[in-house]
Amino acid sequence: MKRITVFGATGMLGTPVTKQLIKAGFQVTALVRDVQKAKRLFPIGVTFIKGDLQDPAAIRQALEHADGLYISLHSQYKEKAHGFATEREGLDNILIEAKASQVRQVIFLSSFLARNYQGGWWVFQAKKSGIQKIKNSGIPYTIFYPSNFFENFHNGMIRGNSVTILAHPEDHPYYWISGADFGNQVVQAFIQPHAISKEYPAQGPEALTYTQAAEQFANHYPTKNLKVSKSPFSVLKFISLFSPQIKFLAQLADVSARNIETFESESTWKDLGKPETTIAMFATQP
């Protein structure tokens, strides 16, 4: 398997995976809305197709000659329960074109919480239904269920000289993983035949609450003297009454915070390699 098409390459989680695919020597094609932005992330190693998930012709072009397919999709706060949604109709459009192509494996980034979600929020209902769509596609698949990613710290949690976390009433430990370590597991899933028709939890080497992770990140951050600050969840809920974006984030935070995570990645580490990056190591990386 040499040629991989990536949907979601420029996202927070798609970027480190795409970089690992390039590093491993795959020929990568990515469907992107903004080619110039994508070229700044990936100066070499990626062929870009301009378009989005509402454009079947662009999806078809991105999948041309692909051996494998990596899907990393995330709903946007502007999307609604009815109408086009990235993780619902967007996934449908990808799979329609993928089934008509020569793709021999699809790797799908799901969510640790999505597998057994029983709530009523349409976003996680879409995530959960996406799992079954992949299984029913007829394409050999590998599905990943990740825990929390360290990359969240560089995507909105650092504000000035503070690492800001949500002071939710529940603060359970999670097995945080780096995007690069996860990307290495994706690479192995494309290489190893035994990864076909497998579902893998993706968890890192240490279990930390948000508070513990933020404190360790702040203590090891090399360029600023960071302090940990906590934003009360009640305040976020109040602001969400006036902001659709904050409402989306509050719902996502509430679902995530209520998760009680157990370690389930023995088979993942055995088959695809053990993650090595700790929060202290991640904090010092450029």
C-alpha atoms as a PDB file:
ATOM      1  CA  MET A   1       0.000   0.000   0.000  1.00  0.00           C
ATOM      2  CA  LYS A   2       1.670   3.199  -1.185  1.00  0.00           C
ATOM      3  CA  ARG A   3      -0.926   5.878  -1.939  1.00  0.00           C
ATOM      4  CA  ILE A   4      -3.054   7.284   0.896  1.00  0.00           C
ATOM      5  CA  THR A   5      -5.827   9.861   0.629  1.00  0.00           C
ATOM      6  CA  VAL A   6      -6.523  11.907   3.743  1.00  0.00           C
ATOM      7  CA  PHE A   7      -9.750  13.726   4.568  1.00  0.00           C
ATOM      8  CA  GLY A   8      -9.206  16.197   7.395  1.00  0.00           C
ATOM      9  CA  ALA A   9      -5.447  16.579   6.855  1.00  0.00           C
ATOM     10  CA  THR A  10      -5.225  20.190   8.075  1.00  0.00           C
ATOM     11  CA  GLY A  11      -7.186  19.693  11.302  1.00  0.00           C
ATOM     12  CA  MET A  12      -5.670  19.512  14.788  1.00  0.00           C
ATOM     13  CA  LEU A  13      -5.575  15.709  14.664  1.00  0.00           C
ATOM     14  CA  GLY A  14      -5.195  15.252  10.917  1.00  0.00           C
ATOM     15  CA  THR A  15      -1.995  17.297  10.753  1.00  0.00           C
ATOM     16  CA  PRO A  16       0.279  15.094  12.920  1.00  0.00           C
ATOM     17  CA  VAL A  17      -1.089  11.928  11.306  1.00  0.00           C
ATOM     18  CA  THR A  18      -0.450  13.285   7.822  1.00  0.00           C
ATOM     19  CA  LYS A  19       3.096  14.242   8.824  1.00  0.00           C
ATOM     20  CA  GLN A  20       3.749  10.683  10.032  1.00  0.00           C
ATOM     21  CA  LEU A  21       2.353   9.248   6.789  1.00  0.00           C
ATOM     22  CA  ILE A  22       4.718  11.490   4.812  1.00  0.00           C
ATOM     23  CA  LYS A  23       7.641  10.534   7.054  1.00  0.00           C
ATOM     24  CA  ALA A  24       6.857   6.840   6.528  1.00  0.00           C
ATOM     25  CA  GLY A  25       7.149   7.281   2.756  1.00  0.00           C
ATOM     26  CA  PHE A  26       3.514   7.129   1.682  1.00  0.00           C
ATOM     27  CA  GLN A  27       2.329   9.147  -1.309  1.00  0.00           C
ATOM     28  CA  VAL A  28      -0.322  11.367   0.306  1.00  0.00           C
ATOM     29  CA  THR A  29      -3.222  13.167  -1.342  1.00  0.00           C
ATOM     30  CA  ALA A  30      -5.421  15.517   0.686  1.00  0.00           C
ATOM     31  CA  LEU A  31      -8.746  17.197  -0.031  1.00  0.00           C
ATOM     32  CA  VAL A  32      -8.482  20.770   1.314  1.00  0.00           C
ATOM     33  CA  ARG A  33     -10.494  23.969   1.102  1.00  0.00           C
ATOM     34  CA  ASP A  34      -7.464  26.275   1.273  1.00  0.00           C
ATOM     35  CA  VAL A  35      -4.496  24.988  -0.720  1.00  0.00           C
ATOM     36  CA  GLN A  36      -2.136  27.797   0.335  1.00  0.00           C
ATOM     37  CA  LYS A  37      -2.800  27.165   4.031  1.00  0.00           C
ATOM     38  CA  ALA A  38      -2.269  23.453   3.493  1.00  0.00           C
ATOM     39  CA  LYS A  39       1.054  24.070   1.738  1.00  0.00           C
ATOM     40  CA  ARG A  40       2.293  25.976   4.778  1.00  0.00           C
ATOM     41  CA  LEU A  41       1.554  22.914   6.927  1.00  0.00           C
ATOM     42  CA  PHE A  42       2.950  20.436   4.397  1.00  0.00           C
ATOM     43  CA  PRO A  43       5.498  22.142   2.120  1.00  0.00           C
ATOM     44  CA  ILE A  44       6.415  18.802   0.556  1.00  0.00           C
ATOM     45  CA  GLY A  45       5.002  15.297   0.400  1.00  0.00           C
ATOM     46  CA  VAL A  46       1.308  15.990  -0.266  1.00  0.00           C
ATOM     47  CA  THR A  47      -0.735  16.397  -3.444  1.00  0.00           C
ATOM     48  CA  PHE A  48      -3.616  18.786  -2.770  1.00  0.00           C
ATOM     49  CA  ILE A  49      -7.087  18.627  -4.295  1.00  0.00           C
ATOM     50  CA  LYS A  50      -9.139  21.774  -3.744  1.00  0.00           C
ATOM     51  CA  GLY A  51     -12.715  21.124  -2.601  1.00  0.00           C
ATOM     52  CA  ASP A  52     -14.886  20.115   0.316  1.00  0.00           C
ATOM     53  CA  LEU A  53     -17.102  17.248   1.409  1.00  0.00           C
ATOM     54  CA  GLN A  54     -20.124  18.650  -0.387  1.00  0.00           C
ATOM     55  CA  ASP A  55     -18.301  18.258  -3.722  1.00  0.00           C
ATOM     56  CA  PRO A  56     -18.498  14.639  -4.984  1.00  0.00           C
ATOM     57  CA  ALA A  57     -16.311  15.402  -8.002  1.00  0.00           C
ATOM     58  CA  ALA A  58     -13.489  16.714  -5.785  1.00  0.00           C
ATOM     59  CA  ILE A  59     -13.807  13.713  -3.461  1.00  0.00           C
ATOM     60  CA  ARG A  60     -13.654  11.416  -6.470  1.00  0.00           C
ATOM     61  CA  GLN A  61     -10.544  13.187  -7.753  1.00  0.00           C
ATOM     62  CA  ALA A  62      -8.851  12.938  -4.341  1.00  0.00           C
ATOM     63  CA  LEU A  63      -9.498   9.184  -4.251  1.00  0.00           C
ATOM     64  CA  GLU A  64      -8.184   8.520  -7.748  1.00  0.00           C
ATOM     65  CA  HIS A  65      -5.447   5.839  -7.593  1.00  0.00           C
ATOM     66  CA  ALA A  66      -5.642   5.675  -3.761  1.00  0.00           C
ATOM     67  CA  ASP A  67      -4.757   2.389  -2.058  1.00  0.00           C
ATOM     68  CA  GLY A  68      -5.809   3.534   1.401  1.00  0.00           C
ATOM     69  CA  LEU A  69      -8.023   6.171   2.960  1.00  0.00           C
ATOM     70  CA  TYR A  70      -7.677   7.990   6.282  1.00  0.00           C
ATOM     71  CA  ILE A  71     -10.730   9.878   7.597  1.00  0.00           C
ATOM     72  CA  SER A  72     -10.491  12.451  10.399  1.00  0.00           C
ATOM     73  CA  LEU A  73     -13.727  14.461  10.556  1.00  0.00           C
ATOM     74  CA  HIS A  74     -15.137  16.734  13.237  1.00  0.00           C
ATOM     75  CA  SER A  75     -18.476  18.530  13.432  1.00  0.00           C
ATOM     76  CA  GLN A  76     -18.491  22.330  13.404  1.00  0.00           C
ATOM     77  CA  TYR A  77     -20.488  24.515  15.770  1.00  0.00           C
ATOM     78  CA  LYS A  78     -22.373  26.095  12.848  1.00  0.00           C
ATOM     79  CA  GLU A  79     -23.733  22.706  11.775  1.00  0.00           C
ATOM     80  CA  LYS A  80     -27.167  21.596  12.884  1.00  0.00           C
ATOM     81  CA  ALA A  81     -29.039  18.401  13.587  1.00  0.00           C
ATOM     82  CA  HIS A  82     -30.756  18.845  10.213  1.00  0.00           C
ATOM     83  CA  GLY A  83     -28.944  19.750   7.014  1.00  0.00           C
ATOM     84  CA  PHE A  84     -25.372  19.039   5.956  1.00  0.00           C
ATOM     85  CA  ALA A  85     -23.033  17.914   8.740  1.00  0.00           C
ATOM     86  CA  THR A  86     -19.388  16.958   8.280  1.00  0.00           C
ATOM     87  CA  GLU A  87     -19.584  13.738  10.300  1.00  0.00           C
ATOM     88  CA  ARG A  88     -22.901  12.660   8.798  1.00  0.00           C
ATOM     89  CA  GLU A  89     -23.506  13.691   5.166  1.00  0.00           C
ATOM     90  CA  GLY A  90     -19.795  14.441   4.690  1.00  0.00           C
ATOM     91  CA  LEU A  91     -18.894  10.887   5.681  1.00  0.00           C
ATOM     92  CA  ASP A  92     -21.693   9.546   3.476  1.00  0.00           C
ATOM     93  CA  ASN A  93     -20.249  11.378   0.464  1.00  0.00           C
ATOM     94  CA  ILE A  94     -16.747  10.009   1.116  1.00  0.00           C
ATOM     95  CA  LEU A  95     -17.968   6.429   1.413  1.00  0.00           C
ATOM     96  CA  ILE A  96     -20.087   6.626  -1.747  1.00  0.00           C
ATOM     97  CA  GLU A  97     -17.021   7.601  -3.761  1.00  0.00           C
ATOM     98  CA  ALA A  98     -14.676   5.264  -1.874  1.00  0.00           C
ATOM     99  CA  LYS A  99     -16.849   2.242  -2.629  1.00  0.00           C
ATOM    100  CA  ALA A 100     -16.672   3.107  -6.326  1.00  0.00           C
ATOM    101  CA  SER A 101     -12.865   3.435  -6.184  1.00  0.00           C
ATOM    102  CA  GLN A 102     -10.049   0.927  -5.755  1.00  0.00           C
ATOM    103  CA  VAL A 103      -9.444   1.761  -2.078  1.00  0.00           C
ATOM    104  CA  ARG A 104      -8.309  -1.369  -0.220  1.00  0.00           C
ATOM    105  CA  GLN A 105      -8.499  -0.052   3.369  1.00  0.00           C
ATOM    106  CA  VAL A 106     -10.172   2.778   5.235  1.00  0.00           C
ATOM    107  CA  ILE A 107      -8.853   3.964   8.606  1.00  0.00           C
ATOM    108  CA  PHE A 108     -11.397   5.954  10.567  1.00  0.00           C
ATOM    109  CA  LEU A 109     -10.796   8.247  13.523  1.00  0.00           C
ATOM    110  CA  SER A 110     -13.755   7.896  15.859  1.00  0.00           C
ATOM    111  CA  SER A 111     -13.989   8.755  19.569  1.00  0.00           C
ATOM    112  CA  PHE A 112     -13.496   6.878  22.820  1.00  0.00           C
ATOM    113  CA  LEU A 113     -16.920   8.166  23.893  1.00  0.00           C
ATOM    114  CA  ALA A 114     -18.784   7.473  20.668  1.00  0.00           C
ATOM    115  CA  ARG A 115     -18.829   3.672  20.858  1.00  0.00           C
ATOM    116  CA  ASN A 116     -21.427   3.419  23.628  1.00  0.00           C
ATOM    117  CA  TYR A 117     -22.960   6.887  23.570  1.00  0.00           C
ATOM    118  CA  GLN A 118     -26.540   6.859  24.865  1.00  0.00           C
ATOM    119  CA  GLY A 119     -27.282  10.594  25.064  1.00  0.00           C
ATOM    120  CA  GLY A 120     -29.400  12.767  22.813  1.00  0.00           C
ATOM    121  CA  TRP A 121     -26.883  15.226  21.360  1.00  0.00           C
ATOM    122  CA  TRP A 122     -26.909  14.844  17.596  1.00  0.00           C
ATOM    123  CA  VAL A 123     -23.139  15.387  17.299  1.00  0.00           C
ATOM    124  CA  PHE A 124     -22.293  12.238  19.249  1.00  0.00           C
ATOM    125  CA  GLN A 125     -25.173  10.365  17.662  1.00  0.00           C
ATOM    126  CA  ALA A 126     -23.523  11.156  14.300  1.00  0.00           C
ATOM    127  CA  LYS A 127     -20.157   9.986  15.626  1.00  0.00           C
ATOM    128  CA  LYS A 128     -21.689   6.729  16.812  1.00  0.00           C
ATOM    129  CA  SER A 129     -23.567   6.094  13.561  1.00  0.00           C
ATOM    130  CA  GLY A 130     -20.353   6.781  11.626  1.00  0.00           C
ATOM    131  CA  ILE A 131     -18.804   3.678  13.179  1.00  0.00           C
ATOM    132  CA  GLN A 132     -21.520   1.479  11.739  1.00  0.00           C
ATOM    133  CA  LYS A 133     -21.331   3.226   8.370  1.00  0.00           C
ATOM    134  CA  ILE A 134     -17.652   2.327   8.135  1.00  0.00           C
ATOM    135  CA  LYS A 135     -18.347  -1.286   9.083  1.00  0.00           C
ATOM    136  CA  ASN A 136     -21.193  -1.540   6.568  1.00  0.00           C
ATOM    137  CA  SER A 137     -19.250   0.082   3.721  1.00  0.00           C
ATOM    138  CA  GLY A 138     -17.823  -3.189   2.428  1.00  0.00           C
ATOM    139  CA  ILE A 139     -14.313  -1.681   2.495  1.00  0.00           C
ATOM    140  CA  PRO A 140     -11.757  -3.368   4.772  1.00  0.00           C
ATOM    141  CA  TYR A 141     -11.497  -1.071   7.775  1.00  0.00           C
ATOM    142  CA  THR A 142      -9.562  -0.139  10.893  1.00  0.00           C
ATOM    143  CA  ILE A 143     -11.261   2.075  13.483  1.00  0.00           C
ATOM    144  CA  PHE A 144      -9.474   4.053  16.204  1.00  0.00           C
ATOM    145  CA  TYR A 145     -11.078   5.267  19.433  1.00  0.00           C
ATOM    146  CA  PRO A 146      -8.741   7.916  20.854  1.00  0.00           C
ATOM    147  CA  SER A 147      -8.540   9.341  24.322  1.00  0.00           C
ATOM    148  CA  ASN A 148      -7.586  13.005  24.870  1.00  0.00           C
ATOM    149  CA  PHE A 149      -4.845  14.480  22.701  1.00  0.00           C
ATOM    150  CA  PHE A 150      -1.990  16.635  23.992  1.00  0.00           C
ATOM    151  CA  GLU A 151      -2.535  18.881  20.966  1.00  0.00           C
ATOM    152  CA  ASN A 152      -5.512  20.435  22.764  1.00  0.00           C
ATOM    153  CA  PHE A 153      -3.016  22.475  24.790  1.00  0.00           C
ATOM    154  CA  HIS A 154      -1.859  24.297  21.657  1.00  0.00           C
ATOM    155  CA  ASN A 155      -5.400  24.810  20.368  1.00  0.00           C
ATOM    156  CA  GLY A 156      -7.028  27.297  22.712  1.00  0.00           C
ATOM    157  CA  MET A 157      -5.856  26.256  26.174  1.00  0.00           C
ATOM    158  CA  ILE A 158      -2.837  28.577  26.321  1.00  0.00           C
ATOM    159  CA  ARG A 159      -4.025  32.161  26.837  1.00  0.00           C
ATOM    160  CA  GLY A 160      -1.301  34.654  27.549  1.00  0.00           C
ATOM    161  CA  ASN A 161       0.678  33.291  30.467  1.00  0.00           C
ATOM    162  CA  SER A 162      -1.996  30.835  31.557  1.00  0.00           C
ATOM    163  CA  VAL A 163      -3.067  27.316  30.734  1.00  0.00           C
ATOM    164  CA  THR A 164      -6.825  27.598  31.045  1.00  0.00           C
ATOM    165  CA  ILE A 165      -8.860  24.514  31.845  1.00  0.00           C
ATOM    166  CA  LEU A 166     -12.533  24.002  32.543  1.00  0.00           C
ATOM    167  CA  ALA A 167     -13.423  23.545  36.208  1.00  0.00           C
ATOM    168  CA  HIS A 168     -16.064  20.906  35.562  1.00  0.00           C
ATOM    169  CA  PRO A 169     -17.496  19.189  38.673  1.00  0.00           C
ATOM    170  CA  GLU A 170     -15.985  15.953  37.362  1.00  0.00           C
ATOM    171  CA  ASP A 171     -12.246  15.672  36.645  1.00  0.00           C
ATOM    172  CA  HIS A 172     -11.513  12.058  35.774  1.00  0.00           C
ATOM    173  CA  PRO A 173      -8.112  10.803  34.588  1.00  0.00           C
ATOM    174  CA  TYR A 174      -7.575  10.126  30.894  1.00  0.00           C
ATOM    175  CA  TYR A 175      -4.804   8.326  29.038  1.00  0.00           C
ATOM    176  CA  TRP A 176      -3.565  11.304  27.010  1.00  0.00           C
ATOM    177  CA  ILE A 177      -1.807  10.595  23.706  1.00  0.00           C
ATOM    178  CA  SER A 178       0.233  12.732  21.331  1.00  0.00           C
ATOM    179  CA  GLY A 179      -0.818  13.177  17.734  1.00  0.00           C
ATOM    180  CA  ALA A 180       2.581  11.973  16.521  1.00  0.00           C
ATOM    181  CA  ASP A 181       2.400   8.737  18.531  1.00  0.00           C
ATOM    182  CA  PHE A 182      -1.112   8.170  17.235  1.00  0.00           C
ATOM    183  CA  GLY A 183       0.088   8.935  13.707  1.00  0.00           C
ATOM    184  CA  ASN A 184       2.696   6.191  14.071  1.00  0.00           C
ATOM    185  CA  GLN A 185      -0.073   3.754  15.000  1.00  0.00           C
ATOM    186  CA  VAL A 186      -2.024   4.792  11.898  1.00  0.00           C
ATOM    187  CA  VAL A 187       1.070   4.167   9.787  1.00  0.00           C
ATOM    188  CA  GLN A 188       1.416   0.677  11.263  1.00  0.00           C
ATOM    189  CA  ALA A 189      -2.291   0.000  10.683  1.00  0.00           C
ATOM    190  CA  PHE A 190      -1.730   0.649   6.978  1.00  0.00           C
ATOM    191  CA  ILE A 191       1.341  -1.614   6.976  1.00  0.00           C
ATOM    192  CA  GLN A 192       0.266  -4.527   9.171  1.00  0.00           C
ATOM    193  CA  PRO A 193      -2.269  -6.938   7.568  1.00  0.00           C
ATOM    194  CA  HIS A 194      -3.563  -7.978  11.004  1.00  0.00           C
ATOM    195  CA  ALA A 195      -4.964  -4.465  11.532  1.00  0.00           C
ATOM    196  CA  ILE A 196      -7.752  -5.124   9.034  1.00  0.00           C
ATOM    197  CA  SER A 197     -11.227  -5.417  10.582  1.00  0.00           C
ATOM    198  CA  LYS A 198      -9.851  -4.302  13.948  1.00  0.00           C
ATOM    199  CA  GLU A 199     -11.037  -1.630  16.371  1.00  0.00           C
ATOM    200  CA  TYR A 200      -8.325  -0.045  18.484  1.00  0.00           C
ATOM    201  CA  PRO A 201      -8.539   2.230  21.532  1.00  0.00           C
ATOM    202  CA  ALA A 202      -5.775   4.851  21.211  1.00  0.00           C
ATOM    203  CA  GLN A 203      -4.400   5.743  24.624  1.00  0.00           C
ATOM    204  CA  GLY A 204      -1.094   7.107  25.871  1.00  0.00           C
ATOM    205  CA  PRO A 205       1.279   5.945  28.610  1.00  0.00           C
ATOM    206  CA  GLU A 206      -0.026   7.896  31.616  1.00  0.00           C
ATOM    207  CA  ALA A 207      -3.435   8.657  33.113  1.00  0.00           C
ATOM    208  CA  LEU A 208      -3.901  12.293  34.153  1.00  0.00           C
ATOM    209  CA  THR A 209      -6.843  14.495  35.014  1.00  0.00           C
ATOM    210  CA  TYR A 210      -7.142  17.817  33.181  1.00  0.00           C
ATOM    211  CA  THR A 211      -5.764  19.536  36.280  1.00  0.00           C
ATOM    212  CA  GLN A 212      -2.761  17.206  36.522  1.00  0.00           C
ATOM    213  CA  ALA A 213      -2.043  17.403  32.791  1.00  0.00           C
ATOM    214  CA  ALA A 214      -2.266  21.211  32.799  1.00  0.00           C
ATOM    215  CA  GLU A 215       0.068  21.485  35.793  1.00  0.00           C
ATOM    216  CA  GLN A 216       2.671  19.207  34.222  1.00  0.00           C
ATOM    217  CA  PHE A 217       2.410  21.022  30.882  1.00  0.00           C
ATOM    218  CA  ALA A 218       2.859  24.407  32.580  1.00  0.00           C
ATOM    219  CA  ASN A 219       5.794  23.179  34.668  1.00  0.00           C
ATOM    220  CA  HIS A 220       7.698  21.938  31.617  1.00  0.00           C
ATOM    221  CA  TYR A 221       6.778  24.615  29.058  1.00  0.00           C
ATOM    222  CA  PRO A 222      10.128  26.132  28.016  1.00  0.00           C
ATOM    223  CA  THR A 223       9.347  29.619  26.676  1.00  0.00           C
ATOM    224  CA  LYS A 224       6.835  31.064  29.161  1.00  0.00           C
ATOM    225  CA  ASN A 225       6.265  30.928  32.889  1.00  0.00           C
ATOM    226  CA  LEU A 226       2.792  29.469  32.652  1.00  0.00           C
ATOM    227  CA  LYS A 227       0.245  29.229  35.425  1.00  0.00           C
ATOM    228  CA  VAL A 228      -2.872  27.071  35.499  1.00  0.00           C
ATOM    229  CA  SER A 229      -6.187  28.888  35.666  1.00  0.00           C
ATOM    230  CA  LYS A 230      -9.632  27.344  35.902  1.00  0.00           C
ATOM    231  CA  SER A 231     -12.771  28.604  34.192  1.00  0.00           C
ATOM    232  CA  PRO A 232     -15.938  27.621  36.097  1.00  0.00           C
ATOM    233  CA  PHE A 233     -18.235  25.371  34.090  1.00  0.00           C
ATOM    234  CA  SER A 234     -21.245  27.324  35.357  1.00  0.00           C
ATOM    235  CA  VAL A 235     -19.876  30.471  33.699  1.00  0.00           C
ATOM    236  CA  LEU A 236     -19.350  28.615  30.417  1.00  0.00           C
ATOM    237  CA  LYS A 237     -22.929  27.326  30.571  1.00  0.00           C
ATOM    238  CA  PHE A 238     -24.234  30.865  31.111  1.00  0.00           C
ATOM    239  CA  ILE A 239     -22.235  32.326  28.223  1.00  0.00           C
ATOM    240  CA  SER A 240     -23.477  29.486  26.006  1.00  0.00           C
ATOM    241  CA  LEU A 241     -26.968  30.984  26.207  1.00  0.00           C
ATOM    242  CA  PHE A 242     -25.726  33.819  24.002  1.00  0.00           C
ATOM    243  CA  SER A 243     -23.135  32.134  21.787  1.00  0.00           C
ATOM    244  CA  PRO A 244     -23.713  29.110  19.521  1.00  0.00           C
ATOM    245  CA  GLN A 245     -19.977  28.446  19.458  1.00  0.00           C
ATOM    246  CA  ILE A 246     -19.685  28.441  23.250  1.00  0.00           C
ATOM    247  CA  LYS A 247     -22.813  26.306  23.487  1.00  0.00           C
ATOM    248  CA  PHE A 248     -21.189  23.723  21.217  1.00  0.00           C
ATOM    249  CA  LEU A 249     -17.998  23.745  23.289  1.00  0.00           C
ATOM    250  CA  ALA A 250     -19.953  23.486  26.551  1.00  0.00           C
ATOM    251  CA  GLN A 251     -21.867  20.445  25.307  1.00  0.00           C
ATOM    252  CA  LEU A 252     -18.659  18.809  24.092  1.00  0.00           C
ATOM    253  CA  ALA A 253     -16.912  19.519  27.396  1.00  0.00           C
ATOM    254  CA  ASP A 254     -19.808  18.151  29.412  1.00  0.00           C
ATOM    255  CA  VAL A 255     -19.929  14.872  27.469  1.00  0.00           C
ATOM    256  CA  SER A 256     -16.146  14.479  27.685  1.00  0.00           C
ATOM    257  CA  ALA A 257     -15.873  15.322  31.380  1.00  0.00           C
ATOM    258  CA  ARG A 258     -18.414  12.689  32.381  1.00  0.00           C
ATOM    259  CA  ASN A 259     -16.379   9.939  30.747  1.00  0.00           C
ATOM    260  CA  ILE A 260     -14.813   7.466  33.171  1.00  0.00           C
ATOM    261  CA  GLU A 261     -11.966   6.003  31.166  1.00  0.00           C
ATOM    262  CA  THR A 262     -10.364   2.622  31.705  1.00  0.00           C
ATOM    263  CA  PHE A 263      -7.180   1.399  30.070  1.00  0.00           C
ATOM    264  CA  GLU A 264      -8.052  -0.722  27.018  1.00  0.00           C
ATOM    265  CA  SER A 265      -5.052  -0.430  24.714  1.00  0.00           C
ATOM    266  CA  GLU A 266      -3.080  -3.618  25.377  1.00  0.00           C
ATOM    267  CA  SER A 267      -3.862  -5.013  21.921  1.00  0.00           C
ATOM    268  CA  THR A 268      -3.243  -1.639  20.266  1.00  0.00           C
ATOM    269  CA  TRP A 269       0.242  -1.409  21.759  1.00  0.00           C
ATOM    270  CA  LYS A 270       0.989  -5.027  20.876  1.00  0.00           C
ATOM    271  CA  ASP A 271      -0.166  -4.699  17.265  1.00  0.00           C
ATOM    272  CA  LEU A 272       0.794  -1.111  16.420  1.00  0.00           C
ATOM    273  CA  GLY A 273       3.387   0.072  18.928  1.00  0.00           C
ATOM    274  CA  LYS A 274       3.381   1.680  22.343  1.00  0.00           C
ATOM    275  CA  PRO A 275       3.132   5.486  22.598  1.00  0.00           C
ATOM    276  CA  GLU A 276       6.139   6.950  24.385  1.00  0.00           C
ATOM    277  CA  THR A 277       5.379  10.680  24.643  1.00  0.00           C
ATOM    278  CA  THR A 278       4.471  12.020  28.091  1.00  0.00           C
ATOM    279  CA  ILE A 279       2.931  15.424  28.787  1.00  0.00           C
ATOM    280  CA  ALA A 280       6.305  16.646  30.067  1.00  0.00           C
ATOM    281  CA  MET A 281       7.972  15.575  26.816  1.00  0.00           C
ATOM    282  CA  PHE A 282       5.217  17.098  24.694  1.00  0.00           C
ATOM    283  CA  ALA A 283       5.421  20.453  26.490  1.00  0.00           C
ATOM    284  CA  THR A 284       9.079  20.858  25.487  1.00  0.00           C
ATOM    285  CA  GLN A 285       8.546  20.069  21.800  1.00  0.00           C
ATOM    286  CA  PRO A 286       8.630  23.000  19.344  1.00  0.00           C
END
